[in-house]
Amino acid sequence: MNNAMEHSTGKLVIAGPWRERRRLSNQPGIVVGPGGGGGNLLVWFWRLGAPEVGRTVQEMLPCELMPLDDTLTTMHPDAFTEIDRGFPEAWAIDGFDGEALRKVVDRAARERAASVTRRAQADG
């Protein structure tokens, strides 16, 4: 997937973030939104910590990203909780407010809760 349009906000990806001009081992990330230009995307590597430009949020080329089949709704509950709790309510970095990602995460939380309720009703 090399087209930035195919990497929508909230898409889970695997990529190797950069630190001090060295590529780290592949980490799970989530597309935050478009980057500064040229089709680049902002990716938050949530397992590396709270959103911080350059350290845990990096601008990546679409060709550096491997999309995952998993979604925020279907991913492991512990990983989703890391994202949901790690993403601040008010987040602004370099003019990007993160509102689109917050909405996607909130929608996934509602879908996950509804799924749990449906399973409980089916079992009960």
C-alpha atoms as a PDB file:
ATOM      1  CA  MET A   1       0.000   0.000   0.000  1.00  0.00           C
ATOM      2  CA  ASN A   2       1.856   3.044  -1.192  1.00  0.00           C
ATOM      3  CA  ASN A   3      -1.013   5.484  -1.524  1.00  0.00           C
ATOM      4  CA  ALA A   4      -1.551   7.866   1.401  1.00  0.00           C
ATOM      5  CA  MET A   5      -5.281   7.866   0.648  1.00  0.00           C
ATOM      6  CA  GLU A   6      -5.361   4.141   1.525  1.00  0.00           C
ATOM      7  CA  HIS A   7      -3.998   4.900   5.011  1.00  0.00           C
ATOM      8  CA  SER A   8      -6.926   6.548   6.714  1.00  0.00           C
ATOM      9  CA  THR A   9      -6.869   8.042  10.181  1.00  0.00           C
ATOM     10  CA  GLY A  10      -7.013   5.250  12.737  1.00  0.00           C
ATOM     11  CA  LYS A  11      -5.472   2.628  10.425  1.00  0.00           C
ATOM     12  CA  LEU A  12      -3.186   0.248  12.312  1.00  0.00           C
ATOM     13  CA  VAL A  13       0.229  -0.236  10.754  1.00  0.00           C
ATOM     14  CA  ILE A  14       3.629  -1.761  11.421  1.00  0.00           C
ATOM     15  CA  ALA A  15       6.674   0.382  10.730  1.00  0.00           C
ATOM     16  CA  GLY A  16      10.178   1.048  11.955  1.00  0.00           C
ATOM     17  CA  PRO A  17      10.275   4.410  13.698  1.00  0.00           C
ATOM     18  CA  TRP A  18      13.448   6.473  13.637  1.00  0.00           C
ATOM     19  CA  ARG A  19      15.541   7.586  16.588  1.00  0.00           C
ATOM     20  CA  GLU A  20      18.796   9.505  16.251  1.00  0.00           C
ATOM     21  CA  ARG A  21      19.054   8.730  12.528  1.00  0.00           C
ATOM     22  CA  ARG A  22      18.671   4.981  13.171  1.00  0.00           C
ATOM     23  CA  ARG A  23      15.670   2.883  12.321  1.00  0.00           C
ATOM     24  CA  LEU A  24      14.312   0.983  15.308  1.00  0.00           C
ATOM     25  CA  SER A  25      12.731  -2.451  15.086  1.00  0.00           C
ATOM     26  CA  ASN A  26       9.216  -2.573  13.724  1.00  0.00           C
ATOM     27  CA  GLN A  27       6.529  -1.305  16.092  1.00  0.00           C
ATOM     28  CA  PRO A  28       2.756  -1.147  15.894  1.00  0.00           C
ATOM     29  CA  GLY A  29       1.524   2.312  15.056  1.00  0.00           C
ATOM     30  CA  ILE A  30      -1.663   4.134  14.264  1.00  0.00           C
ATOM     31  CA  VAL A  31      -2.135   6.670  11.490  1.00  0.00           C
ATOM     32  CA  VAL A  32      -2.927  10.038  13.070  1.00  0.00           C
ATOM     33  CA  GLY A  33      -3.500  11.905   9.826  1.00  0.00           C
ATOM     34  CA  PRO A  34      -1.709  13.554   6.922  1.00  0.00           C
ATOM     35  CA  GLY A  35       1.826  14.773   7.439  1.00  0.00           C
ATOM     36  CA  GLY A  36       3.431  17.986   6.319  1.00  0.00           C
ATOM     37  CA  GLY A  37       3.247  17.295   2.616  1.00  0.00           C
ATOM     38  CA  GLY A  38       4.180  15.036  -0.233  1.00  0.00           C
ATOM     39  CA  GLY A  39       1.664  12.400   0.822  1.00  0.00           C
ATOM     40  CA  ASN A  40       3.453  11.680   4.102  1.00  0.00           C
ATOM     41  CA  LEU A  41       1.477  10.514   7.134  1.00  0.00           C
ATOM     42  CA  LEU A  42       1.782  11.133  10.850  1.00  0.00           C
ATOM     43  CA  VAL A  43       2.048   7.864  12.757  1.00  0.00           C
ATOM     44  CA  TRP A  44       1.856   7.484  16.531  1.00  0.00           C
ATOM     45  CA  PHE A  45       3.854   4.563  17.903  1.00  0.00           C
ATOM     46  CA  TRP A  46       1.793   4.278  21.082  1.00  0.00           C
ATOM     47  CA  ARG A  47       3.935   1.590  22.712  1.00  0.00           C
ATOM     48  CA  LEU A  48       6.821   4.065  22.796  1.00  0.00           C
ATOM     49  CA  GLY A  49       4.810   6.490  24.959  1.00  0.00           C
ATOM     50  CA  ALA A  50       2.398   9.391  24.909  1.00  0.00           C
ATOM     51  CA  PRO A  51       2.223  11.428  21.689  1.00  0.00           C
ATOM     52  CA  GLU A  52       5.396  13.458  21.284  1.00  0.00           C
ATOM     53  CA  VAL A  53       6.601  14.710  17.919  1.00  0.00           C
ATOM     54  CA  GLY A  54       9.870  13.174  16.828  1.00  0.00           C
ATOM     55  CA  ARG A  55       9.908  10.526  19.533  1.00  0.00           C
ATOM     56  CA  THR A  56       6.563   8.698  19.371  1.00  0.00           C
ATOM     57  CA  VAL A  57       4.833  10.598  16.544  1.00  0.00           C
ATOM     58  CA  GLN A  58       6.730  10.588  13.288  1.00  0.00           C
ATOM     59  CA  GLU A  59       6.080  11.622   9.724  1.00  0.00           C
ATOM     60  CA  MET A  60       6.406   8.541   7.549  1.00  0.00           C
ATOM     61  CA  LEU A  61       6.215   7.793   3.853  1.00  0.00           C
ATOM     62  CA  PRO A  62       3.303   5.521   2.955  1.00  0.00           C
ATOM     63  CA  CYS A  63       5.752   3.001   1.471  1.00  0.00           C
ATOM     64  CA  GLU A  64       7.354   2.639   4.945  1.00  0.00           C
ATOM     65  CA  LEU A  65       4.065   1.413   6.427  1.00  0.00           C
ATOM     66  CA  MET A  66       2.710  -2.117   6.425  1.00  0.00           C
ATOM     67  CA  PRO A  67      -1.053  -2.024   7.069  1.00  0.00           C
ATOM     68  CA  LEU A  68      -2.557  -4.517   9.486  1.00  0.00           C
ATOM     69  CA  ASP A  69      -5.812  -6.368   8.925  1.00  0.00           C
ATOM     70  CA  ASP A  70      -6.727  -5.725  12.552  1.00  0.00           C
ATOM     71  CA  THR A  71      -8.743  -2.608  13.416  1.00  0.00           C
ATOM     72  CA  LEU A  72      -9.309  -0.552  16.536  1.00  0.00           C
ATOM     73  CA  THR A  73     -12.557  -2.463  16.992  1.00  0.00           C
ATOM     74  CA  THR A  74     -11.055  -5.948  16.589  1.00  0.00           C
ATOM     75  CA  MET A  75      -7.570  -5.520  18.079  1.00  0.00           C
ATOM     76  CA  HIS A  76      -6.580  -7.067  21.411  1.00  0.00           C
ATOM     77  CA  PRO A  77      -8.349  -5.301  24.295  1.00  0.00           C
ATOM     78  CA  ASP A  78      -5.103  -4.508  26.136  1.00  0.00           C
ATOM     79  CA  ALA A  79      -3.603  -2.824  23.084  1.00  0.00           C
ATOM     80  CA  PHE A  80      -6.789  -0.819  22.536  1.00  0.00           C
ATOM     81  CA  THR A  81      -6.728   0.298  26.166  1.00  0.00           C
ATOM     82  CA  GLU A  82      -3.115   1.493  25.699  1.00  0.00           C
ATOM     83  CA  ILE A  83      -4.231   3.653  22.778  1.00  0.00           C
ATOM     84  CA  ASP A  84      -7.404   4.924  24.409  1.00  0.00           C
ATOM     85  CA  ARG A  85      -5.716   5.852  27.697  1.00  0.00           C
ATOM     86  CA  GLY A  86      -2.513   7.110  26.086  1.00  0.00           C
ATOM     87  CA  PHE A  87      -4.208   9.520  23.727  1.00  0.00           C
ATOM     88  CA  PRO A  88      -4.775  12.854  25.461  1.00  0.00           C
ATOM     89  CA  GLU A  89      -8.179  14.521  25.263  1.00  0.00           C
ATOM     90  CA  ALA A  90      -6.577  17.737  24.043  1.00  0.00           C
ATOM     91  CA  TRP A  91      -3.677  17.149  21.726  1.00  0.00           C
ATOM     92  CA  ALA A  92      -2.046  19.728  19.502  1.00  0.00           C
ATOM     93  CA  ILE A  93       1.263  19.206  17.752  1.00  0.00           C
ATOM     94  CA  ASP A  94       2.633  21.402  15.024  1.00  0.00           C
ATOM     95  CA  GLY A  95      -0.822  22.731  14.180  1.00  0.00           C
ATOM     96  CA  PHE A  96      -2.410  19.264  14.118  1.00  0.00           C
ATOM     97  CA  ASP A  97      -5.142  18.920  16.707  1.00  0.00           C
ATOM     98  CA  GLY A  98      -5.635  15.137  16.662  1.00  0.00           C
ATOM     99  CA  GLU A  99      -9.422  15.534  16.732  1.00  0.00           C
ATOM    100  CA  ALA A 100      -9.984  13.123  13.833  1.00  0.00           C
ATOM    101  CA  LEU A 101      -8.080  10.351  15.598  1.00  0.00           C
ATOM    102  CA  ARG A 102      -9.863  11.056  18.895  1.00  0.00           C
ATOM    103  CA  LYS A 103     -13.210  10.615  17.094  1.00  0.00           C
ATOM    104  CA  VAL A 104     -12.067   7.330  15.513  1.00  0.00           C
ATOM    105  CA  VAL A 105     -10.862   5.997  18.888  1.00  0.00           C
ATOM    106  CA  ASP A 106     -14.102   7.067  20.610  1.00  0.00           C
ATOM    107  CA  ARG A 107     -16.196   5.390  17.901  1.00  0.00           C
ATOM    108  CA  ALA A 108     -14.178   2.173  18.264  1.00  0.00           C
ATOM    109  CA  ALA A 109     -14.688   2.277  22.043  1.00  0.00           C
ATOM    110  CA  ARG A 110     -18.465   2.510  21.523  1.00  0.00           C
ATOM    111  CA  GLU A 111     -18.402  -0.345  18.993  1.00  0.00           C
ATOM    112  CA  ARG A 112     -16.349  -2.497  21.351  1.00  0.00           C
ATOM    113  CA  ALA A 113     -18.746  -1.818  24.239  1.00  0.00           C
ATOM    114  CA  ALA A 114     -21.767  -2.644  22.054  1.00  0.00           C
ATOM    115  CA  SER A 115     -20.133  -5.905  20.981  1.00  0.00           C
ATOM    116  CA  VAL A 116     -19.532  -6.910  24.610  1.00  0.00           C
ATOM    117  CA  THR A 117     -23.159  -6.076  25.448  1.00  0.00           C
ATOM    118  CA  ARG A 118     -24.447  -8.154  22.514  1.00  0.00           C
ATOM    119  CA  ARG A 119     -22.317 -11.142  23.575  1.00  0.00           C
ATOM    120  CA  ALA A 120     -23.502 -10.852  27.178  1.00  0.00           C
ATOM    121  CA  GLN A 121     -27.149 -10.748  26.049  1.00  0.00           C
ATOM    122  CA  ALA A 122     -26.630 -13.758  23.791  1.00  0.00           C
ATOM    123  CA  ASP A 123     -25.027 -15.697  26.651  1.00  0.00           C
ATOM    124  CA  GLY A 124     -27.581 -14.640  29.243  1.00  0.00           C
END
